[in-house]
Amino acid sequence: MKQVSLYTDGACSGNPGPGGWAFILRCNKTEKELERSDGEPESTNNKMELTAVIRGLQALTEPCEVTLYADSSYVLQGMSSWMSGWKKRGWKRKEGSKLVPVKNVELWQQLDVLMGQHTVHYQHVKGHAGHLENERCDELAVAAYQKYLEKR
């Protein structure tokens, strides 16, 4: 199975506000890279963080062993621990003594399908701390949402 590194980030100007996402996908054997980014006129930071991971996994053309590098605890915890419970409860989360719908459920469900196609390992990266690929993804995500600021 091909081993790849996936670096992701999402950003928003305001939360909600114009949002951007970005990823860098690198084949560990060949060092070949794919870099992509885009944005939305109105989003949230969490949606953009999720979208970055989804778009990165969608770019893979075969099942891979993926090491995901992200600065979003929301995404990493959701993927590694929360999602299994949400699925068992019909995509609901506990809030006090009651169950409520999971926020961004459509994105989590997309991510669930993609995770079934790959073996994913998780690596938390501290944001804005000089990690080369994380800084590049942040730069791309910010540039992606800035085009919507100009239209306001």
N, C-alpha and C. Protein backbone atom coordinates (compact mmCIF):
# COMPACT_ATOMS: atom_id res chain seq x y z
N MET A 1 0.85 -1.18 0.00
CA MET A 1 0.00 0.00 0.00
C MET A 1 0.89 1.24 0.00
N LYS A 2 0.58 2.16 -0.89
CA LYS A 2 1.36 3.40 -1.00
C LYS A 2 1.21 4.21 0.29
N GLN A 3 2.32 4.77 0.76
CA GLN A 3 2.31 5.61 1.96
C GLN A 3 2.41 7.07 1.55
N VAL A 4 1.48 7.88 2.09
CA VAL A 4 1.45 9.30 1.77
C VAL A 4 1.31 10.12 3.04
N SER A 5 1.75 11.36 2.95
CA SER A 5 1.55 12.34 4.02
C SER A 5 0.56 13.38 3.52
N LEU A 6 -0.43 13.68 4.36
CA LEU A 6 -1.45 14.67 4.02
C LEU A 6 -1.40 15.78 5.07
N TYR A 7 -1.07 16.99 4.62
CA TYR A 7 -1.01 18.16 5.48
C TYR A 7 -2.22 19.02 5.14
N THR A 8 -2.95 19.48 6.15
CA THR A 8 -4.19 20.22 5.89
C THR A 8 -4.31 21.43 6.81
N ASP A 9 -5.11 22.39 6.35
CA ASP A 9 -5.48 23.51 7.21
C ASP A 9 -6.71 24.19 6.63
N GLY A 10 -7.47 24.80 7.52
CA GLY A 10 -8.61 25.61 7.16
C GLY A 10 -8.51 26.94 7.86
N ALA A 11 -9.14 27.95 7.29
CA ALA A 11 -9.08 29.29 7.88
C ALA A 11 -10.36 30.05 7.54
N CYS A 12 -10.72 30.99 8.41
CA CYS A 12 -11.88 31.84 8.18
C CYS A 12 -11.56 33.26 8.61
N SER A 13 -12.17 34.21 7.92
CA SER A 13 -12.10 35.60 8.33
C SER A 13 -13.43 35.89 9.02
N GLY A 14 -13.42 35.76 10.34
CA GLY A 14 -14.66 35.75 11.09
C GLY A 14 -15.10 34.30 11.19
N ASN A 15 -15.94 34.00 12.13
CA ASN A 15 -16.37 32.61 12.30
C ASN A 15 -17.83 32.60 12.74
N PRO A 16 -18.81 32.67 11.81
CA PRO A 16 -18.64 32.43 10.37
C PRO A 16 -18.14 33.65 9.60
N GLY A 17 -17.71 33.36 8.39
CA GLY A 17 -17.21 34.37 7.47
C GLY A 17 -16.64 33.69 6.25
N PRO A 18 -16.00 34.44 5.38
CA PRO A 18 -15.35 33.83 4.23
C PRO A 18 -14.31 32.81 4.71
N GLY A 19 -14.30 31.63 4.08
CA GLY A 19 -13.41 30.57 4.53
C GLY A 19 -12.56 30.01 3.42
N GLY A 20 -11.44 29.43 3.81
CA GLY A 20 -10.53 28.79 2.86
C GLY A 20 -9.99 27.50 3.43
N TRP A 21 -9.64 26.59 2.56
CA TRP A 21 -9.03 25.32 2.96
C TRP A 21 -7.86 25.04 2.03
N ALA A 22 -6.94 24.19 2.50
CA ALA A 22 -5.79 23.82 1.69
C ALA A 22 -5.23 22.49 2.14
N PHE A 23 -4.59 21.80 1.20
CA PHE A 23 -3.87 20.58 1.56
C PHE A 23 -2.62 20.44 0.71
N ILE A 24 -1.67 19.71 1.26
CA ILE A 24 -0.48 19.26 0.54
C ILE A 24 -0.48 17.75 0.71
N LEU A 25 -0.41 17.04 -0.39
CA LEU A 25 -0.38 15.59 -0.40
C LEU A 25 0.99 15.18 -0.95
N ARG A 26 1.71 14.37 -0.20
CA ARG A 26 3.07 13.98 -0.61
C ARG A 26 3.22 12.47 -0.57
N CYS A 27 3.68 11.90 -1.67
CA CYS A 27 4.01 10.47 -1.71
C CYS A 27 5.34 10.30 -0.98
N ASN A 28 5.35 9.45 0.04
CA ASN A 28 6.56 9.29 0.85
C ASN A 28 7.71 8.66 0.06
N LYS A 29 7.40 7.84 -0.94
CA LYS A 29 8.46 7.17 -1.72
C LYS A 29 9.07 8.08 -2.76
N THR A 30 8.22 8.78 -3.52
CA THR A 30 8.71 9.58 -4.65
C THR A 30 8.92 11.05 -4.30
N GLU A 31 8.35 11.49 -3.17
CA GLU A 31 8.38 12.90 -2.77
C GLU A 31 7.53 13.79 -3.69
N LYS A 32 6.80 13.19 -4.63
CA LYS A 32 5.92 13.96 -5.51
C LYS A 32 4.81 14.59 -4.66
N GLU A 33 4.48 15.86 -4.95
CA GLU A 33 3.49 16.59 -4.16
C GLU A 33 2.35 17.11 -5.02
N LEU A 34 1.20 17.20 -4.37
CA LEU A 34 0.03 17.84 -4.94
C LEU A 34 -0.44 18.86 -3.92
N GLU A 35 -0.66 20.08 -4.37
CA GLU A 35 -1.08 21.17 -3.49
C GLU A 35 -2.36 21.76 -4.06
N ARG A 36 -3.40 21.87 -3.21
CA ARG A 36 -4.66 22.45 -3.67
C ARG A 36 -5.27 23.31 -2.57
N SER A 37 -6.09 24.26 -3.02
CA SER A 37 -6.81 25.11 -2.06
C SER A 37 -8.02 25.72 -2.76
N ASP A 38 -8.98 26.13 -1.96
CA ASP A 38 -10.16 26.82 -2.46
C ASP A 38 -10.88 27.40 -1.26
N GLY A 39 -12.01 28.03 -1.50
CA GLY A 39 -12.73 28.65 -0.40
C GLY A 39 -14.21 28.76 -0.66
N GLU A 40 -14.90 29.36 0.29
CA GLU A 40 -16.33 29.60 0.21
C GLU A 40 -16.61 31.00 0.73
N PRO A 41 -17.64 31.66 0.20
CA PRO A 41 -17.94 33.02 0.65
C PRO A 41 -18.44 33.09 2.09
N GLU A 42 -19.04 32.01 2.60
CA GLU A 42 -19.55 31.99 3.97
C GLU A 42 -19.37 30.59 4.54
N SER A 43 -18.58 30.49 5.60
CA SER A 43 -18.29 29.18 6.19
C SER A 43 -17.88 29.37 7.65
N THR A 44 -17.41 28.27 8.24
CA THR A 44 -16.84 28.32 9.59
C THR A 44 -15.45 27.68 9.53
N ASN A 45 -14.66 27.95 10.54
CA ASN A 45 -13.33 27.38 10.59
C ASN A 45 -13.40 25.85 10.62
N ASN A 46 -14.30 25.29 11.42
CA ASN A 46 -14.40 23.83 11.50
C ASN A 46 -14.78 23.21 10.15
N LYS A 47 -15.69 23.84 9.43
CA LYS A 47 -16.06 23.32 8.10
C LYS A 47 -14.86 23.34 7.16
N MET A 48 -14.08 24.40 7.22
CA MET A 48 -12.92 24.49 6.34
C MET A 48 -11.84 23.47 6.72
N GLU A 49 -11.65 23.23 8.02
CA GLU A 49 -10.70 22.20 8.46
C GLU A 49 -11.13 20.83 7.95
N LEU A 50 -12.42 20.52 8.07
CA LEU A 50 -12.94 19.24 7.59
C LEU A 50 -12.82 19.13 6.07
N THR A 51 -13.15 20.21 5.37
CA THR A 51 -13.10 20.20 3.91
C THR A 51 -11.68 19.95 3.41
N ALA A 52 -10.69 20.52 4.07
CA ALA A 52 -9.30 20.31 3.67
C ALA A 52 -8.95 18.82 3.70
N VAL A 53 -9.36 18.13 4.76
CA VAL A 53 -9.06 16.70 4.88
C VAL A 53 -9.84 15.91 3.82
N ILE A 54 -11.11 16.23 3.64
CA ILE A 54 -11.93 15.55 2.64
C ILE A 54 -11.33 15.70 1.25
N ARG A 55 -10.99 16.92 0.87
CA ARG A 55 -10.44 17.15 -0.47
C ARG A 55 -9.09 16.44 -0.65
N GLY A 56 -8.30 16.41 0.39
CA GLY A 56 -7.02 15.70 0.32
C GLY A 56 -7.21 14.20 0.12
N LEU A 57 -8.12 13.60 0.87
CA LEU A 57 -8.39 12.17 0.71
C LEU A 57 -9.04 11.87 -0.64
N GLN A 58 -9.90 12.77 -1.12
CA GLN A 58 -10.53 12.58 -2.43
C GLN A 58 -9.51 12.62 -3.56
N ALA A 59 -8.40 13.28 -3.35
CA ALA A 59 -7.38 13.39 -4.40
C ALA A 59 -6.60 12.09 -4.59
N LEU A 60 -6.70 11.17 -3.64
CA LEU A 60 -6.00 9.89 -3.77
C LEU A 60 -6.72 9.01 -4.78
N THR A 61 -5.96 8.36 -5.66
CA THR A 61 -6.55 7.56 -6.73
C THR A 61 -6.54 6.06 -6.42
N GLU A 62 -6.01 5.68 -5.27
CA GLU A 62 -5.98 4.29 -4.85
C GLU A 62 -5.93 4.25 -3.32
N PRO A 63 -6.28 3.10 -2.73
CA PRO A 63 -6.18 3.00 -1.27
C PRO A 63 -4.73 3.23 -0.82
N CYS A 64 -4.57 4.05 0.21
CA CYS A 64 -3.24 4.41 0.70
C CYS A 64 -3.18 4.34 2.22
N GLU A 65 -1.96 4.25 2.72
CA GLU A 65 -1.71 4.45 4.14
C GLU A 65 -1.36 5.93 4.29
N VAL A 66 -2.23 6.66 4.99
CA VAL A 66 -2.14 8.11 5.05
C VAL A 66 -1.76 8.55 6.46
N THR A 67 -0.75 9.38 6.57
CA THR A 67 -0.47 10.06 7.82
C THR A 67 -1.00 11.48 7.66
N LEU A 68 -2.02 11.81 8.45
CA LEU A 68 -2.67 13.11 8.39
C LEU A 68 -2.04 14.03 9.42
N TYR A 69 -1.53 15.15 8.96
CA TYR A 69 -0.95 16.19 9.82
C TYR A 69 -1.92 17.36 9.83
N ALA A 70 -2.46 17.68 11.00
CA ALA A 70 -3.45 18.77 11.10
C ALA A 70 -3.28 19.48 12.43
N ASP A 71 -3.65 20.76 12.45
CA ASP A 71 -3.60 21.52 13.70
C ASP A 71 -4.97 21.61 14.38
N SER A 72 -5.98 20.97 13.78
CA SER A 72 -7.34 21.03 14.31
C SER A 72 -7.62 19.85 15.23
N SER A 73 -7.70 20.12 16.53
CA SER A 73 -8.07 19.07 17.49
C SER A 73 -9.47 18.57 17.19
N TYR A 74 -10.37 19.46 16.76
CA TYR A 74 -11.74 19.09 16.40
C TYR A 74 -11.74 17.97 15.35
N VAL A 75 -10.97 18.15 14.29
CA VAL A 75 -10.92 17.15 13.22
C VAL A 75 -10.24 15.87 13.70
N LEU A 76 -9.09 16.01 14.33
CA LEU A 76 -8.34 14.83 14.74
C LEU A 76 -9.09 14.00 15.79
N GLN A 77 -9.67 14.65 16.79
CA GLN A 77 -10.44 13.92 17.79
C GLN A 77 -11.70 13.32 17.19
N GLY A 78 -12.35 14.07 16.31
CA GLY A 78 -13.54 13.56 15.65
C GLY A 78 -13.25 12.29 14.88
N MET A 79 -12.17 12.31 14.10
CA MET A 79 -11.81 11.15 13.28
C MET A 79 -11.36 9.97 14.13
N SER A 80 -10.54 10.24 15.13
CA SER A 80 -9.91 9.14 15.88
C SER A 80 -10.77 8.59 17.01
N SER A 81 -11.70 9.38 17.57
CA SER A 81 -12.46 8.84 18.70
C SER A 81 -13.95 9.16 18.70
N TRP A 82 -14.36 10.34 18.35
CA TRP A 82 -15.78 10.71 18.47
C TRP A 82 -16.66 10.04 17.43
N MET A 83 -16.15 9.90 16.21
CA MET A 83 -16.99 9.45 15.09
C MET A 83 -17.63 8.09 15.33
N SER A 84 -16.92 7.16 15.92
CA SER A 84 -17.50 5.83 16.13
C SER A 84 -18.75 5.90 17.01
N GLY A 85 -18.71 6.71 18.06
CA GLY A 85 -19.88 6.89 18.93
C GLY A 85 -21.02 7.60 18.21
N TRP A 86 -20.68 8.61 17.43
CA TRP A 86 -21.72 9.33 16.67
C TRP A 86 -22.46 8.37 15.75
N LYS A 87 -21.71 7.52 15.06
CA LYS A 87 -22.33 6.58 14.13
C LYS A 87 -23.26 5.61 14.87
N LYS A 88 -22.82 5.11 16.02
CA LYS A 88 -23.64 4.18 16.80
C LYS A 88 -24.95 4.83 17.26
N ARG A 89 -24.89 6.15 17.48
CA ARG A 89 -26.08 6.88 17.95
C ARG A 89 -26.82 7.56 16.81
N GLY A 90 -26.62 7.10 15.58
CA GLY A 90 -27.32 7.69 14.43
C GLY A 90 -26.86 9.09 14.12
N TRP A 91 -25.54 9.35 14.22
CA TRP A 91 -24.93 10.64 13.96
C TRP A 91 -25.46 11.71 14.92
N LYS A 92 -25.57 11.30 16.17
CA LYS A 92 -25.95 12.24 17.23
C LYS A 92 -24.84 12.23 18.29
N ARG A 93 -24.72 13.35 18.99
CA ARG A 93 -23.73 13.48 20.06
C ARG A 93 -24.45 13.76 21.36
N LYS A 94 -23.78 13.45 22.44
CA LYS A 94 -24.35 13.71 23.76
C LYS A 94 -24.13 15.16 24.13
N GLU A 95 -25.19 15.79 24.59
CA GLU A 95 -25.11 17.15 25.13
C GLU A 95 -25.89 17.12 26.43
N GLY A 96 -25.16 17.02 27.53
CA GLY A 96 -25.80 16.81 28.82
C GLY A 96 -26.44 15.43 28.83
N SER A 97 -27.73 15.38 29.12
CA SER A 97 -28.41 14.08 29.19
C SER A 97 -29.17 13.75 27.90
N LYS A 98 -29.07 14.60 26.89
CA LYS A 98 -29.82 14.33 25.65
C LYS A 98 -28.88 14.17 24.46
N LEU A 99 -29.46 13.64 23.39
CA LEU A 99 -28.73 13.49 22.14
C LEU A 99 -29.15 14.59 21.18
N VAL A 100 -28.17 15.20 20.53
CA VAL A 100 -28.43 16.26 19.56
C VAL A 100 -27.66 15.93 18.27
N PRO A 101 -28.13 16.45 17.14
CA PRO A 101 -27.42 16.16 15.88
C PRO A 101 -25.97 16.64 15.91
N VAL A 102 -25.11 15.87 15.27
CA VAL A 102 -23.70 16.25 15.13
C VAL A 102 -23.63 17.46 14.20
N LYS A 103 -22.84 18.45 14.58
CA LYS A 103 -22.64 19.61 13.70
C LYS A 103 -21.79 19.18 12.51
N ASN A 104 -22.08 19.75 11.36
CA ASN A 104 -21.35 19.45 10.12
C ASN A 104 -21.47 17.98 9.72
N VAL A 105 -22.63 17.39 10.00
CA VAL A 105 -22.81 15.94 9.82
C VAL A 105 -22.55 15.49 8.38
N GLU A 106 -22.91 16.30 7.38
CA GLU A 106 -22.69 15.89 5.99
C GLU A 106 -21.19 15.73 5.71
N LEU A 107 -20.40 16.64 6.27
CA LEU A 107 -18.94 16.56 6.07
C LEU A 107 -18.36 15.35 6.82
N TRP A 108 -18.82 15.12 8.04
CA TRP A 108 -18.35 13.95 8.79
C TRP A 108 -18.71 12.66 8.08
N GLN A 109 -19.90 12.60 7.48
CA GLN A 109 -20.30 11.40 6.77
C GLN A 109 -19.45 11.18 5.52
N GLN A 110 -19.13 12.26 4.81
CA GLN A 110 -18.22 12.15 3.66
C GLN A 110 -16.87 11.63 4.12
N LEU A 111 -16.38 12.17 5.20
CA LEU A 111 -15.09 11.78 5.74
C LEU A 111 -15.10 10.31 6.16
N ASP A 112 -16.20 9.86 6.74
CA ASP A 112 -16.34 8.47 7.15
C ASP A 112 -16.18 7.53 5.96
N VAL A 113 -16.82 7.85 4.84
CA VAL A 113 -16.71 7.02 3.64
C VAL A 113 -15.26 6.99 3.16
N LEU A 114 -14.62 8.15 3.11
CA LEU A 114 -13.23 8.23 2.64
C LEU A 114 -12.28 7.48 3.57
N MET A 115 -12.53 7.55 4.87
CA MET A 115 -11.68 6.84 5.82
C MET A 115 -11.79 5.32 5.62
N GLY A 116 -12.93 4.85 5.13
CA GLY A 116 -13.10 3.43 4.86
C GLY A 116 -12.27 2.96 3.68
N GLN A 117 -11.77 3.87 2.88
CA GLN A 117 -10.97 3.52 1.70
C GLN A 117 -9.47 3.52 1.97
N HIS A 118 -9.07 4.08 3.10
CA HIS A 118 -7.65 4.26 3.40
C HIS A 118 -7.36 3.87 4.85
N THR A 119 -6.09 3.65 5.14
CA THR A 119 -5.65 3.49 6.53
C THR A 119 -5.10 4.84 6.94
N VAL A 120 -5.71 5.45 7.96
CA VAL A 120 -5.34 6.81 8.34
C VAL A 120 -4.71 6.83 9.73
N HIS A 121 -3.55 7.47 9.83
CA HIS A 121 -2.87 7.72 11.10
C HIS A 121 -2.92 9.23 11.35
N TYR A 122 -2.94 9.61 12.61
CA TYR A 122 -3.17 11.02 12.97
C TYR A 122 -1.95 11.61 13.66
N GLN A 123 -1.61 12.83 13.25
CA GLN A 123 -0.48 13.53 13.85
C GLN A 123 -0.88 14.99 14.06
N HIS A 124 -0.98 15.39 15.33
CA HIS A 124 -1.31 16.77 15.63
C HIS A 124 -0.09 17.66 15.42
N VAL A 125 -0.30 18.78 14.77
CA VAL A 125 0.75 19.77 14.53
C VAL A 125 0.29 21.06 15.20
N LYS A 126 1.17 21.69 15.94
CA LYS A 126 0.82 22.98 16.55
C LYS A 126 0.76 24.04 15.45
N GLY A 127 -0.38 24.73 15.38
CA GLY A 127 -0.58 25.75 14.35
C GLY A 127 0.27 26.99 14.60
N HIS A 128 0.68 27.61 13.54
CA HIS A 128 1.44 28.88 13.60
C HIS A 128 2.70 28.74 14.46
N ALA A 129 3.35 27.58 14.34
CA ALA A 129 4.54 27.33 15.15
C ALA A 129 5.76 26.98 14.29
N GLY A 130 5.71 27.34 13.02
CA GLY A 130 6.86 27.14 12.16
C GLY A 130 6.93 25.81 11.44
N HIS A 131 5.90 24.97 11.56
CA HIS A 131 5.87 23.71 10.80
C HIS A 131 5.70 24.06 9.33
N LEU A 132 6.67 23.71 8.51
CA LEU A 132 6.75 24.18 7.12
C LEU A 132 5.46 23.92 6.33
N GLU A 133 4.98 22.69 6.32
CA GLU A 133 3.80 22.36 5.53
C GLU A 133 2.53 22.97 6.12
N ASN A 134 2.43 23.02 7.44
CA ASN A 134 1.27 23.64 8.07
C ASN A 134 1.23 25.13 7.76
N GLU A 135 2.37 25.78 7.79
CA GLU A 135 2.43 27.21 7.46
C GLU A 135 2.04 27.44 6.00
N ARG A 136 2.48 26.56 5.10
CA ARG A 136 2.13 26.69 3.68
C ARG A 136 0.63 26.50 3.48
N CYS A 137 0.05 25.49 4.15
CA CYS A 137 -1.39 25.26 4.04
C CYS A 137 -2.17 26.46 4.57
N ASP A 138 -1.71 27.04 5.67
CA ASP A 138 -2.37 28.22 6.23
C ASP A 138 -2.31 29.38 5.23
N GLU A 139 -1.15 29.57 4.63
CA GLU A 139 -0.98 30.64 3.64
C GLU A 139 -1.96 30.45 2.47
N LEU A 140 -2.07 29.22 1.99
CA LEU A 140 -2.98 28.93 0.87
C LEU A 140 -4.44 29.11 1.27
N ALA A 141 -4.81 28.66 2.47
CA ALA A 141 -6.20 28.78 2.94
C ALA A 141 -6.59 30.24 3.12
N VAL A 142 -5.70 31.04 3.67
CA VAL A 142 -5.97 32.47 3.86
C VAL A 142 -6.12 33.15 2.49
N ALA A 143 -5.23 32.82 1.55
CA ALA A 143 -5.32 33.40 0.21
C ALA A 143 -6.65 33.01 -0.46
N ALA A 144 -7.12 31.80 -0.18
CA ALA A 144 -8.38 31.33 -0.77
C ALA A 144 -9.57 32.13 -0.27
N TYR A 145 -9.59 32.47 1.03
CA TYR A 145 -10.74 33.24 1.51
C TYR A 145 -10.61 34.73 1.21
N GLN A 146 -9.41 35.21 1.01
CA GLN A 146 -9.23 36.63 0.75
C GLN A 146 -9.91 37.10 -0.53
N LYS A 147 -10.05 36.20 -1.50
CA LYS A 147 -10.73 36.60 -2.75
C LYS A 147 -12.19 36.95 -2.48
N TYR A 148 -12.77 36.38 -1.42
CA TYR A 148 -14.16 36.73 -1.06
C TYR A 148 -14.23 38.03 -0.29
N LEU A 149 -13.18 38.40 0.40
CA LEU A 149 -13.15 39.69 1.11
C LEU A 149 -13.16 40.84 0.12
N GLU A 150 -12.47 40.65 -1.01
CA GLU A 150 -12.38 41.69 -2.03
C GLU A 150 -13.75 41.97 -2.68
N LYS A 151 -14.63 40.96 -2.65
CA LYS A 151 -15.94 41.10 -3.29
C LYS A 151 -16.97 41.72 -2.38
N ARG A 152 -16.65 41.90 -1.11
CA ARG A 152 -17.61 42.45 -0.14
C ARG A 152 -17.81 43.92 -0.31
